């Protein structure tokens, strides 16, 4: 099953396991992602990482091939145990963040072009179960922290066990009105 979306941008494939309001548990299919590590503050890091990954998908690769844009952009702290598949994500470790783009569904490492920027890496992610809390608004640290704490509480209430770092997923361009934005905080769960 594909992720439900009214948007024209492709998202990674996942199946819904459980939903209670804005809280969901999803089973994600294996995927190929492009990642880059960026040091600095979270908001500056995601901007720098986004630009680096955008150059790759818009032809900054050998053989100068464009790759379709997908959503979300994912961010997680770098240096923590890395969950193997997430949307475009960002994570933090010692002020280092991993920013991730998902490649189009059905992509394989063998069919992906080689990044010209050595700081962009491609990898395959296995199938995994993810707890998600969806919210709108600006991606301020306060808003992210508040929803991350709410997600951790929901996972504990469900008897779940997180096995990866907290991940942030952002689905909309920066000019989207805050109340229309789709943001998510995510935790990989043990099965």
Protein backbone atom coordinates (compact mmCIF):
# COMPACT_ATOMS: atom_id res chain seq x y z
CA UNK A 1 0.00 0.00 0.00
CA UNK A 2 1.24 3.47 -0.76
CA UNK A 3 1.21 6.19 1.82
CA UNK A 4 -2.06 8.13 1.59
CA UNK A 5 -1.54 11.57 0.13
CA UNK A 6 -3.44 14.19 -1.81
CA UNK A 7 -0.12 15.60 -3.01
CA UNK A 8 1.52 14.91 -6.34
CA UNK A 9 4.87 14.08 -4.69
CA UNK A 10 5.62 10.38 -4.21
CA UNK A 11 6.12 9.04 -0.69
CA UNK A 12 7.70 5.78 0.51
CA UNK A 13 5.41 2.74 0.55
CA UNK A 14 3.95 1.79 3.94
CA UNK A 15 1.03 -0.12 5.37
CA UNK A 16 -1.03 1.11 8.30
CA UNK A 17 -0.87 -1.18 11.35
CA UNK A 18 -2.65 1.02 13.91
CA UNK A 19 -4.18 4.52 14.00
CA UNK A 20 -5.49 6.58 16.91
CA UNK A 21 -5.94 10.19 15.82
CA UNK A 22 -2.59 11.66 14.77
CA UNK A 23 -0.69 8.63 16.16
CA UNK A 24 0.04 5.79 13.74
CA UNK A 25 2.11 2.64 13.57
CA UNK A 26 3.25 1.89 10.03
CA UNK A 27 5.15 -0.91 8.35
CA UNK A 28 7.52 0.63 5.79
CA UNK A 29 8.71 -1.29 2.73
CA UNK A 30 12.44 -1.51 1.90
CA UNK A 31 13.72 1.60 0.12
CA UNK A 32 16.78 3.34 -1.28
CA UNK A 33 17.77 6.66 0.30
CA UNK A 34 20.32 9.38 -0.34
CA UNK A 35 21.88 10.85 2.81
CA UNK A 36 24.31 13.53 3.86
CA UNK A 37 25.70 14.53 7.25
CA UNK A 38 25.72 18.22 8.17
CA UNK A 39 27.16 19.85 11.29
CA UNK A 40 25.56 22.78 13.07
CA UNK A 41 22.21 23.86 14.41
CA UNK A 42 19.23 21.69 13.39
CA UNK A 43 17.45 24.29 11.25
CA UNK A 44 20.62 25.34 9.41
CA UNK A 45 21.66 21.70 8.97
CA UNK A 46 18.43 20.65 7.29
CA UNK A 47 18.66 23.59 4.88
CA UNK A 48 22.27 22.77 3.97
CA UNK A 49 21.51 19.04 3.70
CA UNK A 50 18.43 19.69 1.57
CA UNK A 51 20.44 21.81 -0.89
CA UNK A 52 23.19 19.16 -1.11
CA UNK A 53 20.68 16.34 -1.76
CA UNK A 54 18.66 18.49 -4.18
CA UNK A 55 21.81 19.05 -6.27
CA UNK A 56 22.22 15.26 -6.44
CA UNK A 57 18.65 14.56 -7.60
CA UNK A 58 18.57 17.48 -10.04
CA UNK A 59 21.57 16.18 -12.00
CA UNK A 60 24.61 16.46 -9.70
CA UNK A 61 25.43 12.86 -10.46
CA UNK A 62 27.06 10.65 -13.05
CA UNK A 63 25.48 10.51 -15.73
CA UNK A 64 23.81 13.90 -14.99
CA UNK A 65 20.36 12.27 -14.61
CA UNK A 66 17.41 13.89 -12.84
CA UNK A 67 15.62 11.86 -10.16
CA UNK A 68 12.03 12.58 -9.15
CA UNK A 69 11.55 14.56 -5.92
CA UNK A 70 9.84 12.61 -3.14
CA UNK A 71 8.58 13.44 0.33
CA UNK A 72 9.30 13.66 3.15
CA UNK A 73 12.71 15.15 3.87
CA UNK A 74 13.94 13.33 6.97
CA UNK A 75 16.36 14.51 9.65
CA UNK A 76 17.89 12.65 12.60
CA UNK A 77 20.80 13.17 14.90
CA UNK A 78 23.96 11.67 13.47
CA UNK A 79 26.08 9.30 15.50
CA UNK A 80 23.14 7.57 17.13
CA UNK A 81 22.12 4.07 16.13
CA UNK A 82 20.66 4.53 12.66
CA UNK A 83 17.32 2.99 11.81
CA UNK A 84 17.60 1.49 8.36
CA UNK A 85 14.70 3.20 6.56
CA UNK A 86 12.96 6.45 7.08
CA UNK A 87 11.45 9.13 4.85
CA UNK A 88 13.54 12.21 4.25
CA UNK A 89 14.84 12.59 7.80
CA UNK A 90 17.09 14.51 10.12
CA UNK A 91 18.76 13.37 13.39
CA UNK A 92 21.32 14.99 15.71
CA UNK A 93 24.56 13.96 17.46
CA UNK A 94 27.13 16.41 18.76
CA UNK A 95 25.58 19.02 16.48
CA UNK A 96 25.79 16.69 13.48
CA UNK A 97 22.61 15.84 11.59
CA UNK A 98 21.82 13.21 8.97
CA UNK A 99 19.48 14.56 6.28
CA UNK A 100 17.80 12.00 4.04
CA UNK A 101 15.81 11.92 0.79
CA UNK A 102 13.93 8.81 -0.26
CA UNK A 103 14.54 7.72 -3.82
CA UNK A 104 11.46 6.87 -5.94
CA UNK A 105 9.71 3.61 -5.02
CA UNK A 106 11.17 0.64 -6.86
CA UNK A 107 14.69 2.14 -7.00
CA UNK A 108 17.67 -0.13 -6.41
CA UNK A 109 21.26 0.78 -5.60
CA UNK A 110 22.28 -0.77 -8.92
CA UNK A 111 20.10 1.59 -10.95
CA UNK A 112 20.96 4.80 -9.06
CA UNK A 113 23.39 7.34 -10.54
CA UNK A 114 26.64 8.00 -8.67
CA UNK A 115 26.62 11.24 -6.61
CA UNK A 116 29.26 13.76 -7.72
CA UNK A 117 29.38 15.16 -4.16
CA UNK A 118 31.37 12.74 -1.97
CA UNK A 119 29.31 13.83 1.07
CA UNK A 120 26.15 12.28 -0.46
CA UNK A 121 25.79 8.54 0.11
CA UNK A 122 23.20 6.05 -1.13
CA UNK A 123 22.04 3.07 0.90
CA UNK A 124 19.26 0.51 1.03
CA UNK A 125 16.92 0.45 4.00
CA UNK A 126 15.16 -2.75 5.09
CA UNK A 127 11.49 -3.12 5.94
CA UNK A 128 10.69 -1.74 9.38
CA UNK A 129 7.92 -0.76 11.78
CA UNK A 130 7.66 2.95 12.66
CA UNK A 131 5.59 4.82 15.26
CA UNK A 132 4.55 8.22 13.92
CA UNK A 133 2.92 11.32 15.37
CA UNK A 134 1.67 13.77 12.73
CA UNK A 135 1.31 17.50 13.43
CA UNK A 136 1.12 20.86 11.67
CA UNK A 137 2.85 24.15 12.40
CA UNK A 138 6.38 25.42 12.18
CA UNK A 139 9.27 23.04 12.84
CA UNK A 140 10.54 24.96 15.86
CA UNK A 141 12.59 22.97 18.35
CA UNK A 142 9.91 23.55 20.96
CA UNK A 143 7.19 22.15 18.66
CA UNK A 144 9.38 19.17 17.69
CA UNK A 145 10.29 18.44 21.33
CA UNK A 146 6.67 18.63 22.45
CA UNK A 147 5.52 16.17 19.79
CA UNK A 148 8.52 13.89 20.37
CA UNK A 149 7.59 13.60 24.05
CA UNK A 150 3.96 12.90 23.10
CA UNK A 151 5.14 10.20 20.67
CA UNK A 152 7.30 8.55 23.33
CA UNK A 153 4.31 8.49 25.71
CA UNK A 154 2.05 6.93 23.04
CA UNK A 155 4.65 4.26 22.23
CA UNK A 156 4.97 3.41 25.94
CA UNK A 157 1.16 3.26 26.31
CA UNK A 158 1.06 0.81 23.38
CA UNK A 159 3.74 -1.34 25.00
CA UNK A 160 6.15 -0.58 22.16
CA UNK A 161 9.94 -0.51 22.35
CA UNK A 162 11.86 2.08 20.30
CA UNK A 163 15.04 0.73 18.70
CA UNK A 164 16.28 3.74 16.75
CA UNK A 165 16.81 7.46 17.14
CA UNK A 166 14.04 10.02 16.99
CA UNK A 167 13.52 11.18 13.42
CA UNK A 168 11.82 14.29 12.06
CA UNK A 169 9.96 14.17 8.73
CA UNK A 170 8.91 17.27 6.78
CA UNK A 171 6.57 17.05 3.79
CA UNK A 172 6.01 20.61 2.62
CA UNK A 173 8.01 23.43 1.05
CA UNK A 174 8.91 26.35 3.35
CA UNK A 175 6.31 28.68 1.80
CA UNK A 176 3.44 26.42 2.94
CA UNK A 177 1.27 28.14 5.55
CA UNK A 178 2.09 26.74 9.02
CA UNK A 179 -1.38 25.33 9.71
CA UNK A 180 -1.29 23.45 6.39
CA UNK A 181 2.12 21.86 6.95
CA UNK A 182 2.53 18.14 7.49
CA UNK A 183 5.30 17.27 9.93
CA UNK A 184 5.96 13.99 11.71
CA UNK A 185 8.11 12.70 14.53
CA UNK A 186 9.03 9.03 14.17
CA UNK A 187 10.54 6.17 16.16
CA UNK A 188 11.48 2.76 14.79
CA UNK A 189 9.91 -0.03 16.85
CA UNK A 190 11.00 -3.57 17.65
CA UNK A 191 8.64 -6.10 16.11
